[in-house]
N, C-alpha and C. Protein backbone atom coordinates (compact mmCIF):
# COMPACT_ATOMS: atom_id res chain seq x y z
N MET A 1 -9.57 141.46 -125.67
CA MET A 1 -8.38 142.78 -125.35
C MET A 1 -8.86 144.04 -125.51
N VAL A 2 -9.88 144.16 -125.97
CA VAL A 2 -10.08 146.11 -125.89
C VAL A 2 -10.79 146.05 -124.70
N LYS A 3 -11.16 144.96 -124.01
CA LYS A 3 -11.81 145.20 -122.19
C LYS A 3 -10.49 145.40 -121.48
N THR A 4 -9.75 144.87 -121.55
CA THR A 4 -8.70 144.49 -120.94
C THR A 4 -7.87 145.98 -121.07
N VAL A 5 -7.44 146.86 -122.00
CA VAL A 5 -7.06 148.12 -122.45
C VAL A 5 -8.60 149.34 -121.87
N THR A 6 -9.48 148.87 -122.19
CA THR A 6 -10.52 149.58 -121.28
C THR A 6 -10.71 149.50 -119.34
N THR A 7 -10.49 148.52 -119.43
CA THR A 7 -9.70 148.13 -117.86
C THR A 7 -8.93 149.02 -117.58
N LEU A 8 -7.63 148.48 -118.04
CA LEU A 8 -6.18 149.18 -117.90
C LEU A 8 -6.49 150.76 -117.68
N VAL A 9 -7.16 151.36 -118.61
CA VAL A 9 -6.93 152.76 -118.81
C VAL A 9 -7.73 153.97 -118.21
N GLY A 10 -9.16 152.74 -117.18
CA GLY A 10 -10.15 152.85 -116.30
C GLY A 10 -9.37 153.28 -114.65
N CYS A 11 -8.20 152.32 -115.17
CA CYS A 11 -7.83 152.02 -113.56
C CYS A 11 -6.12 152.98 -113.69
N ILE A 12 -5.97 153.65 -114.87
CA ILE A 12 -4.85 154.18 -114.52
C ILE A 12 -5.58 156.00 -114.19
N LEU A 13 -6.42 156.07 -114.87
CA LEU A 13 -7.15 157.50 -114.61
C LEU A 13 -8.13 157.77 -113.24
N LEU A 14 -8.58 156.40 -112.92
CA LEU A 14 -8.92 156.35 -111.53
C LEU A 14 -7.80 156.50 -110.48
N VAL A 15 -6.50 155.94 -110.72
CA VAL A 15 -5.56 155.69 -109.71
C VAL A 15 -5.47 157.07 -109.22
N PRO A 16 -5.04 158.24 -110.17
CA PRO A 16 -4.63 159.71 -109.44
C PRO A 16 -5.87 160.45 -109.23
N CYS A 17 -6.79 160.14 -109.49
CA CYS A 17 -8.08 160.90 -109.49
C CYS A 17 -8.54 160.91 -107.23
N LEU A 18 -8.07 158.87 -106.90
CA LEU A 18 -8.06 158.79 -105.89
C LEU A 18 -6.87 159.23 -104.98
N GLY A 19 -5.79 159.30 -105.74
CA GLY A 19 -4.70 160.09 -105.20
C GLY A 19 -4.84 161.51 -104.37
N ALA A 20 -5.50 162.00 -105.53
CA ALA A 20 -5.87 163.49 -105.23
C ALA A 20 -6.64 163.54 -104.05
N GLN A 21 -7.84 162.64 -104.44
CA GLN A 21 -8.55 163.01 -102.91
C GLN A 21 -7.95 162.61 -101.49
N ALA A 22 -7.02 161.61 -101.50
CA ALA A 22 -6.50 161.41 -100.22
C ALA A 22 -5.58 162.23 -99.97
N ASN A 23 -4.95 163.52 -100.60
CA ASN A 23 -4.07 164.42 -100.41
C ASN A 23 -4.74 165.80 -100.62
N ARG A 24 -5.48 166.45 -99.73
CA ARG A 24 -5.59 167.72 -100.41
C ARG A 24 -5.86 168.78 -99.30
N PRO A 25 -5.89 169.65 -99.28
CA PRO A 25 -6.13 170.92 -97.87
C PRO A 25 -7.69 170.61 -97.77
N PHE A 26 -8.12 171.07 -96.42
CA PHE A 26 -9.36 171.55 -96.90
C PHE A 26 -9.66 172.82 -95.20
N VAL A 27 -11.08 173.39 -95.22
CA VAL A 27 -10.63 174.01 -94.18
C VAL A 27 -12.58 173.59 -93.59
N GLU A 28 -12.62 174.21 -92.46
CA GLU A 28 -13.94 174.20 -91.69
C GLU A 28 -14.51 175.12 -91.20
N VAL A 29 -15.68 175.14 -90.88
CA VAL A 29 -16.11 176.51 -90.19
C VAL A 29 -17.31 176.04 -89.54
N GLY A 30 -17.73 176.28 -88.25
CA GLY A 30 -18.89 176.01 -87.70
C GLY A 30 -19.12 176.47 -86.25
N ALA A 31 -19.79 175.73 -84.76
CA ALA A 31 -20.25 176.33 -84.33
C ALA A 31 -20.63 175.42 -83.23
N GLY A 32 -20.51 175.38 -81.89
CA GLY A 32 -21.26 174.63 -81.29
C GLY A 32 -21.35 174.78 -79.36
N THR A 33 -21.19 173.97 -78.77
CA THR A 33 -20.83 174.40 -77.24
C THR A 33 -20.08 173.81 -76.73
N LEU A 34 -19.16 174.11 -75.65
CA LEU A 34 -17.49 174.04 -75.34
C LEU A 34 -17.61 174.59 -73.81
N ALA A 35 -17.77 173.50 -73.05
CA ALA A 35 -18.53 173.90 -71.53
C ALA A 35 -17.65 174.04 -70.52
N PRO A 36 -17.02 174.76 -69.79
CA PRO A 36 -15.95 174.73 -68.56
C PRO A 36 -16.39 173.99 -68.04
N ASN A 37 -15.88 172.89 -67.48
CA ASN A 37 -16.32 172.34 -66.62
C ASN A 37 -17.79 171.08 -65.95
N ASP A 38 -18.83 171.86 -66.50
CA ASP A 38 -19.84 171.46 -66.83
C ASP A 38 -20.79 171.51 -67.84
N PRO A 39 -20.65 169.94 -68.76
CA PRO A 39 -20.82 169.68 -69.85
C PRO A 39 -22.78 169.93 -70.23
N PHE A 40 -23.45 170.40 -69.18
CA PHE A 40 -24.91 170.30 -69.21
C PHE A 40 -25.46 172.09 -69.59
N VAL A 41 -23.94 173.07 -69.19
CA VAL A 41 -24.32 174.48 -69.35
C VAL A 41 -23.97 174.64 -70.95
N VAL A 42 -24.76 175.08 -71.36
CA VAL A 42 -24.70 175.92 -73.01
C VAL A 42 -23.65 176.96 -73.22
N THR A 43 -22.53 176.21 -73.63
CA THR A 43 -21.52 177.91 -74.05
C THR A 43 -21.32 177.92 -75.41
N LEU A 44 -21.69 178.73 -75.77
CA LEU A 44 -21.21 179.12 -77.39
C LEU A 44 -19.55 178.83 -77.38
N ALA A 45 -19.76 178.67 -78.77
CA ALA A 45 -18.27 178.06 -79.21
C ALA A 45 -18.59 178.16 -80.80
N LEU A 46 -17.24 179.14 -81.12
CA LEU A 46 -17.10 179.08 -82.71
C LEU A 46 -15.85 178.59 -83.22
N ARG A 47 -16.02 178.06 -84.35
CA ARG A 47 -14.76 177.29 -84.71
C ARG A 47 -14.18 177.46 -86.09
N ALA A 48 -12.80 177.50 -86.56
CA ALA A 48 -12.27 177.86 -87.87
C ALA A 48 -11.16 176.80 -87.98
N SER A 49 -11.13 176.04 -88.97
CA SER A 49 -9.95 175.21 -89.26
C SER A 49 -9.52 175.17 -90.26
N ALA A 50 -7.70 174.58 -90.40
CA ALA A 50 -7.15 174.75 -91.69
C ALA A 50 -6.68 173.15 -91.72
N GLY A 51 -6.76 172.30 -92.62
CA GLY A 51 -6.15 170.97 -92.56
C GLY A 51 -5.42 170.54 -94.18
N TRP A 52 -5.31 169.60 -94.00
CA TRP A 52 -4.49 168.64 -94.78
C TRP A 52 -4.99 166.96 -94.71
N VAL A 53 -5.22 166.33 -95.64
CA VAL A 53 -5.68 165.09 -95.58
C VAL A 53 -4.37 164.15 -95.97
N LEU A 54 -4.06 163.71 -94.97
CA LEU A 54 -2.82 162.56 -95.88
C LEU A 54 -2.71 160.76 -95.61
N GLY A 55 -3.26 160.72 -96.92
CA GLY A 55 -3.60 159.45 -97.18
C GLY A 55 -5.43 159.28 -97.30
N GLY A 56 -5.40 158.21 -97.09
CA GLY A 56 -6.86 157.78 -97.08
C GLY A 56 -7.70 157.55 -94.87
N GLN A 57 -6.75 157.74 -94.52
CA GLN A 57 -7.36 157.03 -92.64
C GLN A 57 -6.83 158.85 -92.05
N ASN A 58 -5.98 159.74 -92.16
CA ASN A 58 -5.28 160.34 -91.57
C ASN A 58 -5.29 161.81 -92.37
N ALA A 59 -5.69 163.04 -90.90
CA ALA A 59 -5.63 164.22 -91.64
C ALA A 59 -5.04 165.07 -90.16
N ILE A 60 -4.47 166.39 -90.21
CA ILE A 60 -4.01 166.77 -89.53
C ILE A 60 -4.52 168.53 -89.57
N THR A 61 -4.91 168.68 -88.41
CA THR A 61 -5.94 170.51 -88.77
C THR A 61 -5.14 171.42 -87.39
N ILE A 62 -5.19 172.79 -88.16
CA ILE A 62 -4.60 173.60 -87.35
C ILE A 62 -6.26 174.50 -87.06
N ASP A 63 -6.46 174.22 -85.96
CA ASP A 63 -7.94 174.92 -85.21
C ASP A 63 -7.62 176.19 -84.39
N TYR A 64 -8.86 177.01 -84.63
CA TYR A 64 -9.01 177.95 -83.74
C TYR A 64 -10.60 177.79 -82.80
N THR A 65 -10.64 178.16 -81.58
CA THR A 65 -12.02 178.02 -81.14
C THR A 65 -12.14 178.77 -80.18
N ARG A 66 -13.63 180.05 -80.54
CA ARG A 66 -13.32 181.03 -79.34
C ARG A 66 -14.81 180.41 -78.85
N GLN A 67 -14.45 180.42 -77.37
CA GLN A 67 -15.57 179.87 -76.08
C GLN A 67 -16.24 181.31 -75.74
N SER A 68 -16.77 181.65 -75.78
CA SER A 68 -17.61 182.71 -74.85
C SER A 68 -17.44 182.34 -73.39
N ALA A 69 -17.87 183.66 -73.33
CA ALA A 69 -17.16 184.15 -71.61
C ALA A 69 -18.38 182.84 -70.65
N PRO A 70 -17.59 182.51 -69.34
CA PRO A 70 -17.93 181.67 -68.33
C PRO A 70 -19.58 182.07 -68.01
N LYS A 71 -20.33 181.30 -68.23
CA LYS A 71 -21.63 181.61 -67.39
C LYS A 71 -21.39 182.47 -65.97
N GLY A 72 -21.72 183.56 -65.80
CA GLY A 72 -21.89 184.44 -64.56
C GLY A 72 -20.87 185.57 -64.74
N HIS A 73 -20.27 185.51 -66.25
CA HIS A 73 -19.67 186.34 -66.05
C HIS A 73 -20.78 187.14 -67.27
N SER A 74 -20.41 186.67 -68.66
CA SER A 74 -21.11 187.62 -69.80
C SER A 74 -21.70 187.14 -70.32
N GLY A 75 -22.28 185.99 -70.13
CA GLY A 75 -23.22 184.88 -70.63
C GLY A 75 -22.29 184.23 -71.92
N ASN A 76 -23.02 184.56 -73.46
CA ASN A 76 -22.44 183.92 -74.49
C ASN A 76 -21.63 184.99 -75.33
N ASP A 77 -21.18 186.07 -74.51
CA ASP A 77 -20.41 186.59 -74.85
C ASP A 77 -18.66 186.21 -75.09
N LEU A 78 -18.57 186.22 -76.47
CA LEU A 78 -17.77 186.57 -77.96
C LEU A 78 -16.46 187.25 -77.63
N GLY A 79 -16.46 188.11 -77.19
CA GLY A 79 -15.80 189.57 -77.27
C GLY A 79 -14.59 189.79 -76.47
N LYS A 80 -14.46 190.46 -75.55
CA LYS A 80 -13.30 191.04 -74.59
C LYS A 80 -13.38 189.73 -73.77
N TYR A 81 -14.11 189.31 -73.20
CA TYR A 81 -13.86 188.17 -72.40
C TYR A 81 -13.91 186.75 -72.53
N ALA A 82 -13.97 186.22 -73.89
CA ALA A 82 -14.02 185.54 -74.08
C ALA A 82 -12.33 184.64 -74.42
N ARG A 83 -12.14 183.13 -74.30
CA ARG A 83 -11.07 182.48 -74.55
C ARG A 83 -10.80 182.11 -75.82
N GLY A 84 -9.70 181.81 -76.60
CA GLY A 84 -9.58 181.31 -77.72
C GLY A 84 -8.82 179.75 -77.29
N PHE A 85 -9.10 178.39 -77.95
CA PHE A 85 -7.86 177.69 -77.97
C PHE A 85 -7.63 177.46 -79.97
N LEU A 86 -6.04 177.82 -79.03
CA LEU A 86 -5.65 177.40 -80.52
C LEU A 86 -4.61 176.18 -80.36
N GLY A 87 -4.81 175.47 -81.31
CA GLY A 87 -4.01 173.66 -81.31
C GLY A 87 -3.56 173.88 -83.11
N ILE A 88 -3.05 172.50 -82.70
CA ILE A 88 -3.00 171.13 -83.80
C ILE A 88 -4.05 169.56 -83.25
N ALA A 89 -4.61 169.70 -84.80
CA ALA A 89 -5.23 168.31 -84.03
C ALA A 89 -5.03 167.41 -85.51
N TRP A 90 -4.74 166.20 -84.70
CA TRP A 90 -4.63 165.10 -85.45
C TRP A 90 -5.83 163.82 -85.49
N GLU A 91 -6.85 163.30 -87.24
CA GLU A 91 -8.08 162.68 -86.91
C GLU A 91 -7.21 161.38 -87.87
N HIS A 92 -7.74 160.27 -87.04
CA HIS A 92 -7.73 159.11 -87.36
C HIS A 92 -8.53 158.39 -87.89
N ALA A 93 -8.71 157.88 -88.76
CA ALA A 93 -9.68 156.68 -89.01
C ALA A 93 -9.25 155.39 -89.40
N PHE A 94 -10.01 154.17 -88.61
CA PHE A 94 -9.84 152.71 -88.92
C PHE A 94 -9.92 151.99 -90.09
N HIS A 95 -10.64 153.00 -90.97
CA HIS A 95 -10.21 152.15 -92.36
C HIS A 95 -10.67 153.32 -93.62
N ASP A 96 -10.38 153.31 -95.00
CA ASP A 96 -10.04 154.60 -95.72
C ASP A 96 -11.52 155.08 -95.73
N VAL A 97 -11.83 156.29 -95.38
CA VAL A 97 -12.89 157.29 -95.29
C VAL A 97 -12.22 158.70 -96.50
N PHE A 98 -11.06 159.08 -96.55
CA PHE A 98 -10.85 160.55 -96.88
C PHE A 98 -11.05 159.96 -98.86
N SER A 99 -10.14 158.87 -98.97
CA SER A 99 -10.27 158.70 -100.77
C SER A 99 -11.19 157.78 -101.11
N ASP A 100 -12.37 157.49 -99.89
CA ASP A 100 -13.48 156.91 -100.59
C ASP A 100 -14.90 157.71 -101.29
N PRO A 101 -14.52 157.52 -102.69
CA PRO A 101 -15.53 158.55 -103.19
C PRO A 101 -17.09 158.08 -103.14
N GLU A 102 -17.32 157.48 -102.26
CA GLU A 102 -18.98 156.62 -101.52
C GLU A 102 -19.43 157.60 -100.71
N PRO A 103 -20.47 159.23 -101.63
CA PRO A 103 -20.68 160.04 -100.88
C PRO A 103 -21.95 159.13 -99.43
N LYS A 104 -22.70 160.29 -98.51
CA LYS A 104 -23.31 159.93 -98.00
C LYS A 104 -23.39 158.61 -96.95
N THR A 105 -22.39 158.49 -96.25
CA THR A 105 -22.23 157.46 -96.03
C THR A 105 -21.72 158.12 -93.97
N LEU A 106 -21.90 157.61 -93.06
CA LEU A 106 -21.20 158.12 -91.71
C LEU A 106 -19.92 157.66 -91.87
N GLN A 107 -19.09 158.41 -91.11
CA GLN A 107 -17.28 158.12 -91.39
C GLN A 107 -17.16 158.47 -89.98
N TYR A 108 -16.35 157.06 -89.33
CA TYR A 108 -16.17 157.54 -87.82
C TYR A 108 -14.41 157.83 -87.59
N LEU A 109 -14.19 158.73 -86.67
CA LEU A 109 -12.77 159.04 -86.79
C LEU A 109 -12.32 159.42 -85.08
N VAL A 110 -11.07 159.21 -84.39
CA VAL A 110 -10.91 159.52 -83.28
C VAL A 110 -9.80 160.83 -83.62
N ARG A 111 -10.15 161.82 -82.24
CA ARG A 111 -9.36 163.10 -82.64
C ARG A 111 -8.43 163.46 -81.50
N LEU A 112 -7.57 163.77 -81.57
CA LEU A 112 -6.44 164.33 -80.74
C LEU A 112 -5.95 165.42 -80.97
N THR A 113 -5.71 166.51 -79.98
CA THR A 113 -5.58 168.30 -80.20
C THR A 113 -4.29 167.94 -78.67
N GLY A 114 -3.82 169.61 -79.47
CA GLY A 114 -2.99 169.68 -78.45
C GLY A 114 -2.56 171.08 -78.84
N GLY A 115 -2.39 172.34 -77.79
CA GLY A 115 -2.35 173.89 -77.67
C GLY A 115 -2.52 174.46 -76.60
N THR A 116 -2.87 175.46 -76.97
CA THR A 116 -2.57 177.04 -75.99
C THR A 116 -4.37 177.47 -75.66
N ILE A 117 -4.83 177.69 -74.88
CA ILE A 117 -6.17 178.48 -74.32
C ILE A 117 -5.48 179.56 -74.14
N LEU A 118 -5.66 180.30 -74.44
CA LEU A 118 -5.62 182.44 -75.01
C LEU A 118 -6.66 183.05 -73.70
N ARG A 119 -6.19 182.93 -72.41
CA ARG A 119 -7.33 183.42 -71.53
C ARG A 119 -7.63 184.74 -71.42
N GLY A 120 -7.26 185.37 -71.73
CA GLY A 120 -7.60 187.28 -71.69
C GLY A 120 -7.79 187.79 -70.30
N THR A 121 -8.76 188.64 -70.73
CA THR A 121 -8.92 188.85 -69.03
C THR A 121 -10.28 188.58 -68.49
N PHE A 122 -10.82 189.30 -67.63
CA PHE A 122 -12.01 188.85 -67.06
C PHE A 122 -12.16 190.13 -66.24
N PRO A 123 -14.26 190.18 -66.32
CA PRO A 123 -14.79 191.35 -65.88
C PRO A 123 -14.32 191.91 -64.73
N GLU A 124 -13.55 191.36 -63.78
CA GLU A 124 -13.54 191.94 -62.49
C GLU A 124 -12.50 192.56 -62.38
N ALA A 125 -11.02 192.08 -63.32
CA ALA A 125 -9.72 192.49 -63.39
C ALA A 125 -8.98 193.66 -63.54
N VAL A 126 -8.63 194.39 -62.67
CA VAL A 126 -8.00 195.52 -62.26
C VAL A 126 -7.40 196.48 -63.41
N GLU A 127 -7.75 197.03 -64.47
CA GLU A 127 -6.94 197.50 -65.10
C GLU A 127 -6.47 196.48 -65.95
N ASP A 128 -7.73 195.61 -66.97
CA ASP A 128 -8.15 194.84 -67.56
C ASP A 128 -6.65 193.82 -67.54
N GLN A 129 -6.11 193.55 -66.12
CA GLN A 129 -5.36 192.39 -66.11
C GLN A 129 -5.67 190.66 -66.84
N LYS A 130 -4.77 190.27 -68.00
CA LYS A 130 -4.64 189.28 -68.00
C LYS A 130 -4.60 187.94 -67.75
N LEU A 131 -5.26 187.03 -67.71
CA LEU A 131 -4.74 185.70 -67.00
C LEU A 131 -3.84 184.53 -67.78
N ARG A 132 -3.25 183.90 -66.99
CA ARG A 132 -1.69 183.45 -67.90
C ARG A 132 -2.14 182.67 -68.81
N ASN A 133 -1.75 182.08 -70.44
CA ASN A 133 -2.06 181.32 -70.86
C ASN A 133 -2.00 179.84 -70.47
N ALA A 134 -2.53 178.64 -70.92
CA ALA A 134 -2.38 177.63 -70.30
C ALA A 134 -2.61 176.31 -71.26
N PRO A 135 -1.57 175.77 -70.89
CA PRO A 135 -1.56 174.52 -72.43
C PRO A 135 -2.70 173.75 -71.94
N PHE A 136 -3.30 172.72 -73.24
CA PHE A 136 -4.40 171.83 -73.29
C PHE A 136 -3.86 170.84 -74.06
N VAL A 137 -5.18 169.68 -73.32
CA VAL A 137 -4.96 168.44 -74.50
C VAL A 137 -6.55 167.97 -74.77
N GLY A 138 -6.21 167.60 -75.70
CA GLY A 138 -7.81 167.12 -76.37
C GLY A 138 -8.10 165.70 -77.00
N LEU A 139 -9.57 165.41 -76.24
CA LEU A 139 -9.78 163.69 -76.91
C LEU A 139 -11.58 163.97 -77.31
N GLY A 140 -11.52 163.38 -78.83
CA GLY A 140 -12.77 163.78 -79.30
C GLY A 140 -13.06 162.31 -80.25
N LEU A 141 -14.54 162.24 -80.54
CA LEU A 141 -14.87 161.10 -81.14
C LEU A 141 -15.47 162.01 -82.45
N VAL A 142 -15.15 161.81 -83.38
CA VAL A 142 -16.23 162.64 -84.90
C VAL A 142 -16.46 162.14 -85.84
N ILE A 143 -17.71 162.13 -86.29
CA ILE A 143 -18.71 161.80 -87.25
C ILE A 143 -18.56 162.63 -88.58
N GLN A 144 -18.12 161.83 -89.64
CA GLN A 144 -18.04 162.59 -90.64
C GLN A 144 -19.11 162.34 -91.97
N TYR A 145 -19.99 163.02 -92.44
CA TYR A 145 -20.98 162.46 -93.73
C TYR A 145 -21.01 163.15 -94.69
N PRO A 146 -19.98 162.36 -95.83
CA PRO A 146 -19.62 163.17 -96.73
C PRO A 146 -20.82 163.31 -97.85
N LEU A 147 -21.01 164.88 -98.09
CA LEU A 147 -22.63 165.23 -99.05
C LEU A 147 -22.12 165.50 -100.51
N SER A 148 -20.29 165.20 -100.70
CA SER A 148 -20.24 165.24 -102.44
C SER A 148 -18.49 164.91 -102.02
N SER A 149 -17.61 164.64 -103.02
CA SER A 149 -16.36 165.14 -102.81
C SER A 149 -15.74 165.75 -102.43
N ARG A 150 -16.43 166.94 -102.40
CA ARG A 150 -15.71 168.35 -101.81
C ARG A 150 -16.28 168.80 -100.35
N VAL A 151 -17.52 168.22 -100.20
CA VAL A 151 -18.47 169.07 -99.22
C VAL A 151 -18.77 167.56 -98.22
N ALA A 152 -18.57 168.25 -96.71
CA ALA A 152 -18.96 167.17 -95.81
C ALA A 152 -19.67 167.88 -94.64
N ALA A 153 -20.80 167.35 -93.65
CA ALA A 153 -20.74 167.91 -92.97
C ALA A 153 -20.38 166.79 -91.64
N VAL A 154 -19.36 167.86 -90.06
CA VAL A 154 -18.85 167.24 -89.81
C VAL A 154 -19.15 167.33 -88.40
N GLY A 155 -19.74 166.38 -87.53
CA GLY A 155 -19.97 166.91 -85.79
C GLY A 155 -18.62 165.79 -84.51
N SER A 156 -18.42 166.59 -83.67
CA SER A 156 -17.57 166.15 -83.17
C SER A 156 -17.95 166.45 -81.48
N VAL A 157 -17.73 165.25 -80.48
CA VAL A 157 -17.70 165.24 -79.15
C VAL A 157 -16.69 165.35 -78.55
N GLU A 158 -16.91 166.17 -77.74
CA GLU A 158 -15.31 166.18 -77.17
C GLU A 158 -15.03 166.80 -76.07
N ASP A 159 -13.55 166.92 -75.45
CA ASP A 159 -13.39 167.08 -74.43
C ASP A 159 -11.65 167.66 -74.43
N ALA A 160 -11.66 169.01 -74.39
CA ALA A 160 -10.39 170.24 -73.79
C ALA A 160 -10.18 170.22 -72.77
N ILE A 161 -8.76 169.46 -72.18
CA ILE A 161 -8.52 169.49 -70.87
C ILE A 161 -7.17 170.38 -70.58
N GLY A 162 -7.78 171.47 -70.49
CA GLY A 162 -6.62 172.61 -69.87
C GLY A 162 -5.88 172.32 -68.43
N PHE A 163 -5.07 173.09 -68.58
CA PHE A 163 -4.08 172.61 -66.88
C PHE A 163 -3.63 174.42 -66.53
N LEU A 164 -4.53 174.52 -66.17
CA LEU A 164 -4.91 176.22 -65.49
C LEU A 164 -3.32 176.52 -64.04
N PRO A 165 -2.52 177.45 -64.51
CA PRO A 165 -1.34 177.37 -64.10
C PRO A 165 -1.81 178.30 -63.31
N ALA A 166 -1.04 178.37 -61.43
CA ALA A 166 -0.99 179.06 -60.22
C ALA A 166 -1.14 180.38 -60.64
N GLU A 167 -1.37 181.43 -60.28
CA GLU A 167 -1.18 182.65 -60.30
C GLU A 167 -2.41 183.81 -59.40
N THR A 168 -1.53 185.09 -59.60
CA THR A 168 -2.16 185.70 -58.14
C THR A 168 -2.77 187.19 -59.13
N VAL A 169 -3.67 187.51 -59.07
CA VAL A 169 -4.82 188.77 -59.89
C VAL A 169 -5.41 189.34 -58.81
N GLN A 170 -5.42 190.80 -59.69
CA GLN A 170 -5.89 191.63 -58.70
C GLN A 170 -7.28 191.75 -59.61
N SER A 171 -8.22 191.93 -57.93
CA SER A 171 -9.48 192.26 -58.76
C SER A 171 -11.07 192.82 -58.13
N TYR A 172 -11.16 193.12 -58.58
CA TYR A 172 -12.56 194.23 -57.82
C TYR A 172 -13.67 193.69 -56.79
N CYS A 173 -13.68 192.34 -57.21
CA CYS A 173 -14.67 191.38 -56.64
C CYS A 173 -13.88 189.76 -55.80
N SER A 174 -14.47 189.45 -54.84
CA SER A 174 -13.84 188.33 -54.27
C SER A 174 -14.94 187.10 -53.96
N ASP A 175 -14.70 186.11 -54.21
CA ASP A 175 -16.15 185.06 -53.43
C ASP A 175 -15.41 184.95 -52.90
N GLN A 176 -16.51 184.91 -51.64
CA GLN A 176 -16.70 184.58 -50.32
C GLN A 176 -18.00 183.32 -49.96
N THR A 177 -17.89 182.38 -48.97
CA THR A 177 -18.11 181.93 -48.88
C THR A 177 -19.96 181.98 -49.30
N GLY A 178 -20.63 181.53 -50.04
CA GLY A 178 -22.47 181.85 -50.42
C GLY A 178 -22.44 183.05 -50.34
N TYR A 179 -21.82 184.09 -50.90
CA TYR A 179 -21.55 185.55 -51.69
C TYR A 179 -20.41 186.07 -52.18
N THR A 180 -20.74 186.85 -52.68
CA THR A 180 -19.43 187.74 -53.41
C THR A 180 -19.43 189.23 -52.91
N LEU A 181 -18.32 189.13 -52.92
CA LEU A 181 -18.00 191.15 -52.46
C LEU A 181 -17.42 191.62 -53.04
N CYS A 182 -17.52 193.34 -53.65
CA CYS A 182 -16.70 194.12 -54.45
C CYS A 182 -16.75 195.45 -54.15
N TYR A 183 -15.29 195.89 -54.22
CA TYR A 183 -15.43 197.31 -54.36
C TYR A 183 -15.67 198.06 -55.72
N PRO A 184 -16.03 199.22 -55.74
CA PRO A 184 -16.28 200.03 -56.93
C PRO A 184 -15.32 199.76 -58.39
N GLN A 185 -15.78 199.31 -59.27
CA GLN A 185 -14.79 199.17 -60.40
C GLN A 185 -14.53 200.83 -60.68
N GLY A 186 -12.75 200.67 -61.13
CA GLY A 186 -12.51 201.51 -61.40
C GLY A 186 -11.81 202.35 -59.71
N GLY A 187 -11.87 202.24 -58.67
CA GLY A 187 -11.40 202.71 -57.43
C GLY A 187 -10.37 202.29 -56.85
N PRO A 188 -9.51 203.11 -55.79
CA PRO A 188 -8.40 202.74 -55.78
C PRO A 188 -8.18 201.31 -54.64
N ASP A 189 -9.38 200.64 -54.38
CA ASP A 189 -9.23 199.29 -53.76
C ASP A 189 -10.28 198.65 -54.43
N TYR A 190 -9.14 197.16 -54.27
CA TYR A 190 -8.71 195.63 -55.27
C TYR A 190 -9.02 194.81 -53.86
N TYR A 191 -9.26 193.57 -54.60
CA TYR A 191 -8.48 192.06 -53.77
C TYR A 191 -7.18 191.98 -54.51
N THR A 192 -6.57 191.14 -53.63
CA THR A 192 -5.38 190.54 -54.39
C THR A 192 -5.51 188.58 -53.80
N ILE A 193 -5.99 188.45 -55.11
CA ILE A 193 -6.67 186.79 -55.23
C ILE A 193 -5.37 185.90 -55.47
N ASP A 194 -5.02 184.89 -54.97
CA ASP A 194 -3.99 183.74 -55.25
C ASP A 194 -4.74 182.41 -55.93
N LEU A 195 -4.41 182.65 -57.27
CA LEU A 195 -5.16 181.35 -57.86
C LEU A 195 -4.46 180.19 -57.87
N PRO A 196 -4.98 178.77 -57.43
CA PRO A 196 -4.55 177.33 -57.46
C PRO A 196 -4.19 176.86 -58.98
N ASN A 197 -3.06 176.51 -59.09
CA ASN A 197 -3.55 175.61 -60.44
C ASN A 197 -4.08 174.31 -60.59
N LYS A 198 -4.75 174.19 -61.32
CA LYS A 198 -6.18 173.10 -61.62
C LYS A 198 -6.18 172.51 -63.00
N THR A 199 -6.70 171.63 -63.03
CA THR A 199 -7.15 171.03 -64.67
C THR A 199 -8.04 170.98 -64.51
N GLN A 200 -8.95 171.55 -65.84
CA GLN A 200 -10.38 172.18 -66.04
C GLN A 200 -10.66 171.22 -67.63
N HIS A 201 -11.46 170.67 -67.38
CA HIS A 201 -12.20 169.89 -68.58
C HIS A 201 -13.55 171.17 -69.28
N ASN A 202 -13.28 171.06 -70.55
CA ASN A 202 -13.83 171.49 -71.64
C ASN A 202 -14.87 171.02 -72.14
N LEU A 203 -16.04 170.42 -72.14
CA LEU A 203 -16.73 169.17 -72.26
C LEU A 203 -17.66 169.95 -73.66
N GLY A 204 -17.77 169.66 -74.99
CA GLY A 204 -19.13 169.83 -75.62
C GLY A 204 -19.55 169.23 -76.97
N VAL A 205 -19.97 169.84 -78.06
CA VAL A 205 -20.17 168.96 -79.45
C VAL A 205 -19.82 170.37 -79.91
N VAL A 206 -19.01 170.03 -81.51
CA VAL A 206 -18.92 171.51 -82.45
C VAL A 206 -19.80 170.78 -83.79
N LEU A 207 -20.43 171.54 -84.43
CA LEU A 207 -20.59 170.98 -85.40
C LEU A 207 -20.53 172.07 -86.94
N THR A 208 -19.62 171.42 -87.70
CA THR A 208 -18.96 172.10 -88.55
C THR A 208 -18.96 171.91 -89.64
N MET A 209 -19.02 172.34 -91.03
CA MET A 209 -19.09 171.50 -92.36
C MET A 209 -17.50 171.98 -93.33
N GLN A 210 -17.38 171.17 -93.58
CA GLN A 210 -15.80 170.92 -94.11
C GLN A 210 -16.27 171.10 -95.84
N PHE A 211 -14.67 171.83 -96.50
CA PHE A 211 -15.04 172.15 -97.78
C PHE A 211 -13.41 171.83 -97.98
N ARG A 212 -13.29 170.93 -99.18
CA ARG A 212 -11.60 170.33 -99.89
C ARG A 212 -11.88 171.29 -100.84
N LEU A 213 -10.29 171.18 -101.01
CA LEU A 213 -9.61 172.42 -101.57
C LEU A 213 -9.69 171.71 -102.86
């Protein structure tokens, strides 16, 4: 009888704990590489996320990823010429990972993302003309390694596919076949360039630390 009561009390105490573990907010911060078009070109990216665990298998997050300026512009510049990926992501595991109290075990999830690329200006732009923002969708594989009930190391391999719109820009430089022609910046002369719409893959690896609140 005493054993039965003890077991029952343990279950009553454990269920709310697991429920709280499986439904709680969290934040993530980290860095990695997110390269436009060529995954072998390291392009620095910083990420911050805020999310909520929805049961044992799902989580939803709001992400902001800062992608440094493409190679050939300003290298790993995260300032004026960088792009921002602002989106909402859904992560799904095929078994219970968020309410599992067992730390230090690898956990695998898939990640679907959608949002907007905040493109900003570019170095050769006349009067800092800004490029039009563009929608994107992303797909990734997430590997999560809980260090405790509140802290986890998270890595993702992902592809954010941007749909860049057609637009006309004014630039002091124009790419020709095999070379680039430029007018002096700040002068009265510039090129008017018609950019076609295109699909752009942004491939990379991002490592973050997750803190459950």
